[in-house]
Amino acid sequence: MAKAQEHGSVKRFGSRYGRTTRAKAGKIEAEQRKKHKCPYCLATRVKRVAAGIWNCSKCGAKFTGKAYTISRIAKVKDEINDIKEAAEEIEEEPGEEEKTEEKEPKKEVKE
């Protein structure tokens, strides 16, 4: 028995254009229509306005990217911000502060 597939927006093509072509088109359309993370305010409210033009509904930022998805640079910025947030959370842990207070800084001897 054949496995049931979700066709999504490519259902409109019916049996035309072949299975792999329809599958590729489905992935691209799903990616472009989903909401993306804003590289400026980090909210998941960025929608595609036109080919390569993206708009954040929270902060109002309008910027360019790739035609079907936000550019790789925006994703890298997002990952950097996630790493910075994780580092700040580690620094704010109360157990870590006690350990750093017990250690005395090394004194340098000047001649």
Protein backbone atom coordinates (compact mmCIF):
# COMPACT_ATOMS: atom_id res chain seq x y z
CA MET A 1 0.00 0.00 0.00
CA ALA A 2 1.32 3.42 -0.92
CA LYS A 3 2.29 5.89 1.77
CA ALA A 4 -0.02 8.90 2.08
CA GLN A 5 1.78 12.15 1.29
CA GLU A 6 1.06 15.71 2.23
CA HIS A 7 0.94 17.74 -0.92
CA GLY A 8 0.39 21.23 0.46
CA SER A 9 0.47 24.02 -2.06
CA VAL A 10 1.70 21.84 -4.95
CA LYS A 11 -1.56 19.93 -4.98
CA ARG A 12 -2.69 22.41 -7.63
CA PHE A 13 -0.29 20.82 -10.15
CA GLY A 14 -2.08 17.46 -10.06
CA SER A 15 -0.10 14.77 -11.86
CA ARG A 16 1.84 17.22 -14.05
CA TYR A 17 5.60 18.04 -13.91
CA GLY A 18 6.77 14.86 -12.14
CA ARG A 19 7.12 13.85 -8.52
CA THR A 20 10.57 15.28 -7.74
CA THR A 21 9.85 18.63 -9.36
CA ARG A 22 6.64 18.98 -7.36
CA ALA A 23 8.46 17.95 -4.16
CA LYS A 24 11.19 20.56 -4.71
CA ALA A 25 8.62 23.25 -5.43
CA GLY A 26 6.72 22.25 -2.27
CA LYS A 27 9.82 22.62 -0.09
CA ILE A 28 10.63 26.03 -1.55
CA GLU A 29 7.07 27.32 -1.13
CA ALA A 30 6.81 26.03 2.43
CA GLU A 31 10.11 27.75 3.32
CA GLN A 32 9.16 31.09 1.80
CA ARG A 33 5.70 31.16 3.38
CA LYS A 34 6.70 30.32 6.93
CA LYS A 35 7.53 33.06 9.43
CA HIS A 36 11.25 33.66 9.94
CA LYS A 37 13.27 35.17 12.78
CA CYS A 38 14.11 38.86 12.50
CA PRO A 39 17.89 39.50 12.58
CA TYR A 40 17.27 42.82 14.36
CA CYS A 41 14.71 42.12 17.12
CA LEU A 42 14.91 38.27 17.08
CA ALA A 43 11.11 37.92 16.91
CA THR A 44 9.62 35.23 14.68
CA ARG A 45 7.51 37.67 12.69
CA VAL A 46 9.31 38.17 9.37
CA LYS A 47 7.24 37.57 6.24
CA ARG A 48 8.13 37.78 2.59
CA VAL A 49 6.80 40.91 0.88
CA ALA A 50 8.17 40.23 -2.61
CA ALA A 51 11.04 38.30 -4.14
CA GLY A 52 14.01 39.09 -1.90
CA ILE A 53 12.19 41.66 0.26
CA TRP A 54 11.37 40.75 3.88
CA ASN A 55 9.43 42.70 6.51
CA CYS A 56 9.27 42.26 10.31
CA SER A 57 5.82 43.00 11.68
CA LYS A 58 7.16 43.61 15.21
CA CYS A 59 9.98 46.13 14.73
CA GLY A 60 9.02 47.28 11.22
CA ALA A 61 12.43 46.45 9.75
CA LYS A 62 12.34 45.97 6.01
CA PHE A 63 15.41 44.34 4.54
CA THR A 64 16.61 42.31 1.59
CA GLY A 65 17.62 38.68 1.52
CA LYS A 66 17.37 35.72 -0.76
CA ALA A 67 14.29 35.25 -2.93
CA TYR A 68 12.77 32.33 -1.03
CA THR A 69 14.40 32.57 2.40
CA ILE A 70 16.26 35.03 4.58
CA SER A 71 19.94 35.14 3.67
CA ARG A 72 22.60 33.01 5.33
CA ILE A 73 24.04 36.14 6.98
CA ALA A 74 20.82 36.68 8.91
CA LYS A 75 20.91 33.08 10.13
CA VAL A 76 24.53 33.50 11.24
CA LYS A 77 23.60 36.69 13.12
CA ASP A 78 20.81 34.77 14.80
CA GLU A 79 23.18 31.99 15.87
CA ILE A 80 25.67 34.53 17.24
CA ASN A 81 22.94 36.19 19.27
CA ASP A 82 21.86 32.80 20.66
CA ILE A 83 25.46 32.09 21.73
CA LYS A 84 25.72 35.51 23.41
CA GLU A 85 22.48 34.92 25.31
CA ALA A 86 23.71 31.51 26.48
CA ALA A 87 27.00 33.05 27.65
CA GLU A 88 25.12 35.74 29.60
CA GLU A 89 22.98 33.08 31.28
CA ILE A 90 26.08 31.17 32.34
CA GLU A 91 27.64 34.34 33.80
CA GLU A 92 24.47 35.11 35.78
CA GLU A 93 24.36 31.75 37.62
CA PRO A 94 24.69 32.36 41.40
CA GLY A 95 26.93 29.33 42.03
CA GLU A 96 29.59 30.67 39.70
CA GLU A 97 29.90 34.01 41.53
CA GLU A 98 30.86 32.32 44.82
CA LYS A 99 33.65 30.37 43.15
CA THR A 100 35.16 33.46 41.52
CA GLU A 101 35.15 35.45 44.80
CA GLU A 102 37.20 32.77 46.61
CA LYS A 103 40.04 32.92 44.12
CA GLU A 104 42.48 35.77 44.57
CA PRO A 105 43.94 37.42 41.48
CA LYS A 106 47.61 36.71 40.83
CA LYS A 107 49.89 39.63 41.52
CA GLU A 108 52.54 40.43 38.97
CA VAL A 109 56.01 41.29 40.25
CA LYS A 110 57.57 44.28 38.53
CA GLU A 111 61.32 44.77 38.64
